[in-house]
Protein backbone atom coordinates (compact mmCIF):
# COMPACT_ATOMS: atom_id res chain seq x y z
CA MET A 1 188.09 235.21 215.18
CA ASN A 2 188.87 236.04 211.30
CA LYS A 3 185.86 234.56 209.57
CA TYR A 4 186.37 235.98 206.12
CA CYS A 5 187.45 233.29 203.23
CA GLU A 6 190.31 234.75 200.47
CA LEU A 7 189.28 233.96 197.13
CA GLU A 8 191.49 233.95 193.35
CA ILE A 9 189.87 234.64 190.29
CA THR A 10 191.33 235.44 186.64
CA CYS A 11 190.42 238.23 185.65
CA THR A 12 191.25 241.90 185.72
CA ALA A 13 190.56 243.99 189.05
CA GLU A 14 187.98 246.27 187.18
CA THR A 15 185.68 243.83 185.86
CA ALA A 16 185.46 241.71 188.78
CA LEU A 17 184.91 244.61 190.86
CA LYS A 18 182.46 245.51 188.91
CA LYS A 19 180.25 242.48 188.84
CA LEU A 20 180.86 242.34 192.60
CA LYS A 21 179.24 245.63 192.79
CA LYS A 22 176.41 244.80 190.81
CA ALA A 23 175.55 241.88 193.00
CA ASP A 24 175.96 243.96 195.80
CA MET A 25 178.70 241.79 197.51
CA PRO A 26 180.73 243.32 200.31
CA VAL A 27 184.60 242.37 199.50
CA TYR A 28 187.58 243.00 201.57
CA ASN A 29 191.54 243.11 201.30
CA CYS A 30 191.20 243.41 197.25
CA LYS A 31 195.11 243.11 195.77
CA LYS A 32 196.13 242.27 192.27
CA GLN A 33 198.73 239.38 191.63
CA GLY A 34 199.81 238.75 187.93
CA ALA A 35 197.06 237.50 186.29
CA PHE A 36 194.91 236.81 189.46
CA PHE A 37 192.73 239.29 191.13
CA ILE A 38 192.45 238.38 195.22
CA PHE A 39 189.78 239.55 197.13
CA SER A 40 188.24 238.02 200.63
CA VAL A 41 184.50 237.90 201.23
CA LYS A 42 182.57 236.56 204.52
CA ASP A 43 182.18 232.46 204.91
CA LYS A 44 178.11 233.30 204.30
CA ASP A 45 179.02 234.94 201.12
CA ILE A 46 181.09 232.17 199.35
CA LYS A 47 178.54 230.17 197.56
CA LYS A 48 177.09 233.56 196.43
CA ALA A 49 181.04 234.54 195.12
CA PHE A 50 181.19 231.27 193.19
CA ALA A 51 177.98 231.97 191.21
CA ILE A 52 178.95 235.61 190.40
CA PHE A 53 181.74 234.10 188.78
CA ALA A 54 180.60 230.89 187.41
CA LYS A 55 181.88 231.01 183.85
CA PRO A 56 185.10 228.55 183.33
CA CYS A 57 186.82 231.59 182.18
CA TYR A 58 187.08 232.97 185.67
CA ASN A 59 188.66 229.83 186.91
CA ILE A 60 187.58 230.89 190.53
CA ARG A 61 188.99 229.33 193.99
CA VAL A 62 189.33 229.02 197.31
CA ARG A 63 192.94 230.78 198.05
CA LYS A 64 192.76 230.74 201.80
CA ASP A 65 189.80 229.63 204.32
CA SER A 66 188.75 231.75 206.97
CA ALA A 67 190.05 231.32 210.63
CA ARG A 68 187.28 230.45 212.12
CA LYS A 69 186.92 227.55 209.44
CA ARG A 70 190.08 226.12 209.67
CA PHE A 71 189.72 226.24 213.67
CA VAL A 72 186.24 224.29 213.23
CA SER A 73 188.10 221.89 210.56
CA GLY A 74 190.77 221.21 212.58
CA ALA A 75 188.55 220.64 215.95
CA PHE A 76 186.82 218.00 213.81
CA LEU A 77 189.80 216.32 212.64
CA ARG A 78 191.17 216.45 216.25
CA ALA A 79 187.92 214.71 217.66
CA GLY A 80 188.44 212.35 215.09
CA LEU A 81 191.58 211.60 215.83
CA VAL A 82 191.20 211.49 219.52
CA PHE A 83 187.82 209.24 219.15
CA GLY A 84 189.97 206.97 217.00
CA ALA A 85 192.78 207.13 219.55
CA LEU A 86 190.16 205.94 222.30
CA ILE A 87 188.60 203.40 220.34
CA PHE A 88 192.21 201.79 219.68
CA ALA A 89 192.91 202.00 223.32
CA ALA A 90 189.42 200.81 224.44
CA ALA A 91 190.27 197.79 221.92
CA ALA A 92 193.58 197.12 223.38
CA TYR A 93 191.96 197.28 226.78
CA ILE A 94 189.64 194.99 226.56
CA SER A 95 191.83 192.31 224.41
CA GLY A 96 194.16 192.18 227.77
CA PHE A 97 191.33 190.10 229.39
CA PHE A 98 190.99 187.72 226.52
CA VAL A 99 193.59 184.90 225.44
CA LEU A 100 194.37 185.73 222.00
CA GLY A 101 197.42 183.64 221.67
CA VAL A 102 199.84 180.92 223.52
CA GLU A 103 203.53 180.89 223.37
CA VAL A 104 205.96 177.90 224.54
CA THR A 105 209.20 178.91 225.48
CA GLY A 106 212.84 177.57 226.89
CA SER A 107 214.51 174.25 226.30
CA GLY A 108 211.13 172.10 226.78
CA SER A 109 209.65 174.14 223.70
CA TYR A 110 209.75 170.71 222.13
CA LEU A 111 207.02 169.52 224.14
CA LYS A 112 204.83 172.63 222.73
CA GLU A 113 202.01 170.17 221.83
CA GLU A 114 201.70 168.66 225.02
CA VAL A 115 201.61 172.03 226.60
CA TYR A 116 199.01 173.26 224.32
CA SER A 117 196.78 170.77 225.49
CA ILE A 118 197.14 170.96 228.86
CA VAL A 119 196.60 174.80 228.75
CA ARG A 120 193.47 174.39 226.52
CA ASP A 121 191.94 171.89 228.96
CA GLY A 122 192.80 174.53 231.63
CA GLY A 123 190.85 176.99 230.10
CA ALA A 124 193.06 178.75 227.92
CA VAL A 125 191.35 179.01 224.25
CA ILE A 126 191.59 181.34 222.11
CA GLY A 127 188.75 184.36 222.45
CA LYS A 128 188.11 183.32 226.06
CA PRO A 129 188.96 185.53 229.36
CA PHE A 130 192.17 184.91 231.04
CA SER A 131 189.90 184.25 234.20
CA ALA A 132 188.79 180.81 233.11
CA PHE A 133 192.31 179.60 233.67
CA ASP A 134 194.02 178.17 236.38
CA PRO A 135 197.60 178.52 236.05
CA ASN A 136 198.53 176.79 239.06
CA VAL A 137 196.74 173.60 238.15
CA ALA A 138 198.29 173.89 234.32
CA ALA A 139 201.92 174.34 236.08
CA GLY A 140 201.31 171.11 237.88
CA LYS A 141 200.34 168.95 235.17
CA ILE A 142 203.16 170.46 232.78
CA LEU A 143 205.90 169.45 235.59
CA ALA A 144 204.69 166.21 235.43
CA LEU A 145 205.52 165.93 231.86
CA PRO A 146 209.16 163.75 231.13
CA ASP A 147 212.22 165.71 232.17
CA VAL A 148 210.21 168.76 233.17
CA VAL A 149 212.05 170.40 235.94
CA PHE A 150 210.66 174.02 235.87
CA CYS A 151 207.62 175.90 234.38
CA ASN A 152 206.49 179.36 235.05
CA ILE A 153 203.22 180.95 233.12
CA LYS A 154 202.94 184.38 232.56
CA LYS A 155 200.33 187.22 230.85
CA HIS A 156 202.15 188.96 228.40
CA GLY A 157 199.12 191.60 226.92
CA SER A 158 196.72 189.42 225.35
CA VAL A 159 199.55 186.10 224.92
CA LEU A 160 199.83 183.62 227.70
CA VAL A 161 203.67 182.57 227.92
CA VAL A 162 204.60 179.51 229.07
CA ASP A 163 208.09 179.03 229.96
CA VAL A 164 208.97 175.17 230.14
CA GLN A 165 212.66 173.96 231.01
CA THR A 166 213.80 170.32 231.00
CA GLU A 167 216.35 168.42 233.09
CA ALA A 168 218.83 167.64 230.37
CA ALA A 169 219.02 171.01 229.24
CA HIS A 170 219.24 172.71 232.65
CA PRO A 171 220.64 170.43 235.33
CA GLN A 172 220.84 172.98 237.67
CA TYR A 173 216.74 173.04 238.02
CA ALA A 174 217.16 169.29 239.34
CA ASP A 175 216.83 170.66 243.14
CA ARG A 176 213.73 169.02 243.96
CA ARG A 177 214.10 169.66 247.83
CA PRO A 178 211.84 172.46 249.53
CA LEU A 179 213.06 176.09 250.46
CA VAL A 180 214.48 176.15 254.00
CA SER A 181 215.46 179.22 255.53
CA ASP A 182 219.19 179.42 256.40
CA VAL A 183 218.64 182.11 259.13
CA ASP A 184 216.58 182.99 262.36
CA GLY A 185 214.27 186.10 261.06
CA LYS A 186 211.09 187.58 260.09
CA VAL A 187 209.50 187.11 256.74
CA LYS A 188 208.89 190.20 254.57
CA SER A 189 207.90 188.95 251.33
CA ILE A 190 207.59 185.65 249.82
CA THR A 191 207.67 184.70 246.05
CA VAL A 192 206.46 181.40 245.04
CA ILE A 193 206.74 180.80 241.15
CA CYS A 194 205.74 176.82 241.64
CA GLY A 195 205.00 175.01 244.77
CA VAL A 196 203.41 176.13 248.00
CA ALA A 197 204.27 178.59 250.37
CA ALA A 198 204.73 177.32 253.64
CA VAL A 199 205.10 180.67 255.47
CA ALA A 200 203.63 184.21 254.72
CA ALA A 201 204.74 187.82 255.37
CA GLY A 202 205.11 189.00 258.83
CA ASP A 203 205.55 185.15 260.36
CA GLU A 204 208.89 184.39 262.18
CA VAL A 205 211.15 181.52 261.10
CA PHE A 206 213.99 179.68 262.29
CA LYS A 207 217.12 178.46 260.35
CA GLY A 208 216.12 175.15 258.63
CA GLU A 209 212.47 175.95 259.05
CA THR A 210 210.59 174.98 255.19
CA LEU A 211 209.25 178.15 253.47
CA ILE A 212 208.51 176.46 249.90
CA GLU A 213 206.92 173.29 249.73
CA PRO A 214 207.73 171.26 246.41
CA TYR A 215 204.54 170.31 245.48
CA VAL A 216 201.07 171.95 244.07
CA LEU A 217 197.36 171.06 244.51
CA ILE A 218 195.56 169.91 241.77
CA GLY A 219 191.89 169.12 242.38
CA GLY A 220 192.43 169.11 245.89
CA LYS A 221 195.40 166.55 245.58
CA ALA A 222 199.11 167.11 246.18
CA GLU A 223 201.23 166.88 243.39
CA SER A 224 204.94 166.40 243.31
CA CYS A 225 206.62 169.52 241.75
CA MET A 226 210.00 171.24 242.23
CA ALA A 227 209.79 174.37 244.63
CA VAL A 228 211.03 177.44 242.84
CA GLY A 229 210.88 180.93 244.17
CA TYR A 230 212.37 183.12 247.12
CA ALA A 231 211.79 185.07 250.19
CA GLU A 232 213.05 187.80 251.76
CA LEU A 233 213.62 187.77 255.58
CA GLN A 234 214.34 190.50 257.96
CA CYS A 235 216.93 189.66 260.47
CA SER A 236 219.41 190.95 263.33
CA ALA A 237 222.65 190.49 264.00
CA VAL A 238 224.99 192.12 267.15
CA TYR A 239 228.64 192.60 266.19
CA GLU A 240 231.70 193.59 268.56
CA TYR A 241 234.78 195.40 267.70
CA PHE A 242 237.29 196.18 269.87
CA ALA A 243 239.10 199.57 269.66
CA GLU A 244 241.77 201.56 271.41
CA ASP A 245 239.45 204.54 272.18
CA ASP A 246 235.91 205.34 271.07
CA SER A 247 236.76 208.37 268.36
CA GLU A 248 234.93 208.97 265.19
CA ASN A 249 237.34 206.86 263.25
CA SER A 250 236.87 203.96 265.45
CA ILE A 251 233.58 203.70 265.11
CA LYS A 252 233.71 203.82 261.39
CA GLN A 253 235.85 201.19 261.33
CA ALA A 254 233.70 199.11 263.46
CA TYR A 255 231.10 199.89 261.14
CA ALA A 256 232.74 199.01 257.95
CA SER A 257 233.79 195.58 259.45
CA VAL A 258 230.26 194.42 259.45
CA LEU A 259 228.85 195.68 256.22
CA THR A 260 228.26 193.08 253.61
CA GLU A 261 227.41 192.91 250.20
CA GLU A 262 224.76 190.09 250.02
CA ASN A 263 222.19 191.72 252.47
CA THR A 264 220.73 195.15 252.77
CA VAL A 265 221.23 196.89 255.88
CA ILE A 266 217.55 198.78 256.98
CA SER A 267 219.26 200.16 260.14
CA ARG A 268 222.04 199.96 262.85
CA SER A 269 223.14 201.61 265.85
CA HIS A 270 225.88 201.49 268.28
CA LYS A 271 226.62 201.09 271.95
CA ILE A 272 230.57 201.61 273.44
CA TYR A 273 231.69 199.93 276.89
CA GLY A 274 234.90 200.61 278.19
CA GLU A 275 237.48 197.91 278.47
CA GLU A 276 240.88 197.50 280.57
CA LYS A 277 242.83 198.34 277.21
CA GLY A 278 240.20 200.26 275.22
CA VAL A 279 236.69 199.96 274.25
CA LYS A 280 234.20 197.70 273.19
CA ILE A 281 231.91 198.98 269.99
CA VAL A 282 228.67 196.88 270.15
CA ILE A 283 227.07 197.23 266.91
CA TYR A 284 223.14 196.28 266.60
CA VAL A 285 222.29 195.65 262.75
CA GLU A 286 218.46 195.14 261.41
CA TYR A 287 219.27 193.96 257.84
CA LEU A 288 217.35 191.98 254.84
CA HIS A 289 218.67 188.46 253.67
CA LYS A 290 217.20 186.79 250.61
CA VAL A 291 217.15 182.95 250.15
CA SER A 292 215.84 181.54 246.85
CA ILE A 293 215.60 177.72 245.01
CA ASN A 294 215.75 177.03 241.36
CA ILE A 295 216.40 180.90 240.35
CA THR A 296 219.32 181.62 238.73
């Protein structure tokens, strides 16, 4: 790597070279440019060159650092930037474990003082870890406030966001019944925002069976609230379609007759049975069905 530094002085070439030769200073790439004499020296000889032309009249300066010096300087700069970025990332990561702010949103934000008091009592204190806070207990107490029909507590970075909705502004939230299944099937997943899950993934359920109960447990005691959430059920269905023949077009029409936009088809198959006047195409469908409550 190039280890020569380029210097510039205000001097004639003859005078400069004479002084450099007298000091036994090796120089490289000498050239004349207007009133300036430009030459290169090894990095280790820079201080000596400045001492030779120490008088103010020579006005010596570094025109260009050596490639090696630029590389080292750049490496230090990059190392500083990387170190700073790591420190920033570490600080951001660590701050994500602590409560640095509480924000109340929604139509019930006018109850923010009461909400602040509830979450503080629940452990959401500025500067304390999120692990000290129980969102389910806090949500149950907030739902007990006058006219509150919905509460969702989420962590956004280091800020606790409490969404509170009131019945006057959102009458659609006023359904205080449990979430029940409207089909037979197997629970693929269940998401509870408020309330208590009555089933778990993998459970077989029947139409009319409760999926989410409208209460929360606070200190081991059940407190009434609104059931908010949804469940995804895996279901099966069998359809019959009569056609004149078992052609590819007939099979396509049979499948088209059972497709619905509300549900996601997982798998489908068919069997064909001969009939007196044509064929009967029996279609077997596995699909996902979503049922929810108090979610728009």
